[in-house]
Amino acid sequence: MPDVPDAPDAPPVAEGVRLPPMTPSAFEQWRSASVRGYAADKVRVGAWPADEAQARSERAFSELLPEGQATPGQEIRSIVDPAGEVVGVVWFGPTGAIGSGEAFIWDIEIHERYRGRGLGRAALSALEPIVRGLGYGSIGLHVFGDNEIARRLYRSSGYAETDITMRKRLG
């Protein structure tokens, strides 16, 4: 689900990017848009048929967030720039027990009009002490293979690709 968060060679942004918990109304808007976006991404890369994508995406979100924003261990936060503008979202949670092992970024996105300013890199940096403070020893994420801009950003932020799935379309 992580989207193109930022241009990888963007100039650094001033310190002060914050990641406060998302408001309930912002959560509802984000969830709706993210379900649609994830379905579209899965269709784009050929992982899901278009006629099943929306239902599959809804099911995935419901499984990961059965109690919505109140799901234990799941953190859905706004990304706020130094001027106080909400410029994006980050959602992370445990891959195993809450507060140990790995935290997984299920979604990170800088809203399109704010991209290219170093805010994605700053958000990833601001996330590290939060995740460490919650007891996790590492951060993982998934990025679609065709999203080279995001892949470069993550690699330059210290993330290593751990496995690659490939597909060849026939016909």
Protein backbone atom coordinates (compact mmCIF):
# COMPACT_ATOMS: atom_id res chain seq x y z
CA MET A 1 0.00 0.00 0.00
CA PRO A 2 2.83 2.47 0.38
CA ASP A 3 2.46 4.99 -2.43
CA VAL A 4 4.96 7.33 -4.04
CA PRO A 5 5.73 9.29 -0.90
CA ASP A 6 8.31 11.68 -2.22
CA ALA A 7 10.85 12.37 -4.89
CA PRO A 8 14.05 10.59 -3.81
CA ASP A 9 16.35 13.53 -4.54
CA ALA A 10 14.12 16.21 -3.04
CA PRO A 11 15.82 18.87 -0.96
CA PRO A 12 15.66 18.18 2.75
CA VAL A 13 12.70 19.67 4.54
CA ALA A 14 13.06 21.64 7.74
CA GLU A 15 12.90 19.53 10.85
CA GLY A 16 9.59 19.51 12.62
CA VAL A 17 7.53 16.96 10.72
CA ARG A 18 5.14 15.43 13.27
CA LEU A 19 3.06 12.24 13.21
CA PRO A 20 0.05 12.82 15.49
CA PRO A 21 -2.80 10.30 15.67
CA MET A 22 -5.32 10.86 12.89
CA THR A 23 -8.67 12.42 13.77
CA PRO A 24 -11.75 10.16 13.45
CA SER A 25 -13.17 12.14 10.51
CA ALA A 26 -9.83 12.09 8.69
CA PHE A 27 -9.62 8.34 9.37
CA GLU A 28 -12.94 7.68 7.62
CA GLN A 29 -11.88 9.72 4.57
CA TRP A 30 -8.47 8.05 4.47
CA ARG A 31 -9.88 4.53 4.83
CA SER A 32 -12.33 4.98 1.98
CA ALA A 33 -9.71 6.46 -0.35
CA SER A 34 -7.10 3.87 0.64
CA VAL A 35 -9.40 0.91 -0.01
CA ARG A 36 -10.07 2.26 -3.51
CA GLY A 37 -6.40 3.07 -4.11
CA TYR A 38 -5.16 -0.33 -2.97
CA ALA A 39 -7.68 -2.07 -5.22
CA ALA A 40 -6.52 0.03 -8.18
CA ASP A 41 -2.85 -0.70 -7.42
CA LYS A 42 -3.49 -4.45 -7.28
CA VAL A 43 -5.31 -4.30 -10.63
CA ARG A 44 -2.56 -2.13 -12.17
CA VAL A 45 0.15 -4.66 -11.33
CA GLY A 46 -1.98 -7.61 -12.42
CA ALA A 47 -2.38 -9.17 -8.97
CA TRP A 48 -6.19 -9.00 -8.83
CA PRO A 49 -8.91 -9.01 -11.49
CA ALA A 50 -10.73 -5.70 -11.72
CA ASP A 51 -14.14 -7.17 -10.96
CA GLU A 52 -12.92 -8.55 -7.59
CA ALA A 53 -10.47 -5.84 -6.55
CA GLN A 54 -12.75 -3.57 -4.53
CA ALA A 55 -14.17 -6.45 -2.47
CA ARG A 56 -10.72 -7.95 -1.89
CA SER A 57 -9.33 -4.60 -0.80
CA GLU A 58 -12.24 -4.03 1.57
CA ARG A 59 -11.70 -7.49 3.04
CA ALA A 60 -7.97 -6.86 3.54
CA PHE A 61 -8.62 -3.59 5.38
CA SER A 62 -11.34 -5.20 7.51
CA GLU A 63 -8.99 -8.03 8.49
CA LEU A 64 -6.17 -5.65 9.43
CA LEU A 65 -8.42 -3.06 11.10
CA PRO A 66 -11.32 -5.09 12.57
CA GLU A 67 -11.99 -2.36 15.13
CA GLY A 68 -11.22 0.48 12.77
CA GLN A 69 -9.01 3.15 14.21
CA ALA A 70 -9.28 1.51 17.67
CA THR A 71 -7.71 -1.78 16.54
CA PRO A 72 -5.05 -2.64 19.14
CA GLY A 73 -1.49 -2.10 17.93
CA GLN A 74 -2.48 -0.32 14.72
CA GLU A 75 -1.30 3.29 14.47
CA ILE A 76 -2.87 5.53 11.84
CA ARG A 77 -1.23 8.92 11.95
CA SER A 78 -1.32 12.15 10.01
CA ILE A 79 1.90 13.52 8.60
CA VAL A 80 2.07 17.19 9.55
CA ASP A 81 4.66 19.52 8.04
CA PRO A 82 6.53 22.22 10.00
CA ALA A 83 3.86 24.79 9.05
CA GLY A 84 1.12 22.65 10.63
CA GLU A 85 -0.42 21.41 7.36
CA VAL A 86 -1.58 17.79 7.14
CA VAL A 87 0.43 16.58 4.15
CA GLY A 88 -0.08 12.84 4.29
CA VAL A 89 -0.68 9.69 6.30
CA VAL A 90 1.25 6.77 7.71
CA TRP A 91 -0.31 3.55 9.03
CA PHE A 92 1.81 0.97 10.79
CA GLY A 93 1.31 -1.97 13.10
CA PRO A 94 2.91 -5.17 14.36
CA THR A 95 3.70 -8.19 12.23
CA GLY A 96 3.54 -10.34 15.38
CA ALA A 97 3.11 -9.45 19.02
CA ILE A 98 2.31 -5.81 19.76
CA GLY A 99 5.43 -3.98 20.91
CA SER A 100 8.05 -6.50 19.82
CA GLY A 101 9.71 -7.64 16.63
CA GLU A 102 8.82 -5.70 13.52
CA ALA A 103 6.43 -2.84 12.90
CA PHE A 104 5.06 -2.91 9.36
CA ILE A 105 4.14 0.20 7.38
CA TRP A 106 0.81 -0.73 5.78
CA ASP A 107 0.40 2.65 4.11
CA ILE A 108 2.42 5.81 3.72
CA GLU A 109 1.50 8.59 1.40
CA ILE A 110 2.33 12.23 0.91
CA HIS A 111 -0.59 14.01 -0.75
CA GLU A 112 0.28 14.78 -4.34
CA ARG A 113 0.49 18.55 -4.03
CA TYR A 114 3.11 18.24 -1.26
CA ARG A 115 5.40 15.72 -2.98
CA GLY A 116 8.95 16.54 -3.93
CA ARG A 117 9.70 18.56 -0.78
CA GLY A 118 11.45 15.91 1.30
CA LEU A 119 8.37 15.27 3.44
CA GLY A 120 8.30 11.52 2.80
CA ARG A 121 11.91 11.19 3.90
CA ALA A 122 11.20 13.38 6.94
CA ALA A 123 8.13 11.29 7.84
CA LEU A 124 10.17 8.07 7.65
CA SER A 125 12.76 9.65 9.91
CA ALA A 126 10.11 10.91 12.37
CA LEU A 127 8.59 7.43 12.45
CA GLU A 128 11.73 5.71 13.71
CA PRO A 129 11.74 7.02 17.31
CA ILE A 130 7.99 6.39 17.60
CA VAL A 131 8.38 2.78 16.47
CA ARG A 132 11.43 2.28 18.69
CA GLY A 133 9.54 3.80 21.63
CA LEU A 134 6.71 1.31 21.11
CA GLY A 135 9.21 -1.53 21.52
CA TYR A 136 9.81 -2.62 17.92
CA GLY A 137 13.27 -3.49 16.65
CA SER A 138 12.70 -2.95 12.93
CA ILE A 139 10.35 -1.47 10.36
CA GLY A 140 9.16 -3.32 7.26
CA LEU A 141 7.03 -2.26 4.32
CA HIS A 142 5.80 -3.40 0.92
CA VAL A 143 6.22 -1.35 -2.22
CA PHE A 144 4.88 -2.22 -5.64
CA GLY A 145 7.68 -3.21 -8.01
CA ASP A 146 6.73 -0.61 -10.61
CA ASN A 147 7.08 2.23 -8.10
CA GLU A 148 10.76 2.99 -8.67
CA ILE A 149 10.59 6.47 -7.14
CA ALA A 150 9.39 5.05 -3.82
CA ARG A 151 11.86 2.17 -3.97
CA ARG A 152 14.76 4.63 -4.38
CA LEU A 153 13.47 6.71 -1.48
CA TYR A 154 13.19 3.69 0.81
CA ARG A 155 16.63 2.37 -0.15
CA SER A 156 18.19 5.79 0.42
CA SER A 157 16.45 5.90 3.83
CA GLY A 158 18.15 2.66 4.89
CA TYR A 159 15.51 0.08 3.90
CA ALA A 160 16.78 -3.08 2.18
CA GLU A 161 14.76 -5.11 -0.31
CA THR A 162 14.21 -8.49 1.32
CA ASP A 163 12.46 -10.38 -1.48
CA ILE A 164 11.20 -9.73 -4.97
CA THR A 165 8.17 -11.31 -6.65
CA MET A 166 8.14 -11.21 -10.44
CA ARG A 167 5.54 -11.98 -13.13
CA LYS A 168 5.55 -12.26 -16.91
CA ARG A 169 2.24 -11.63 -18.66
CA LEU A 170 1.51 -13.99 -21.50
CA GLY A 171 -0.63 -12.87 -24.39
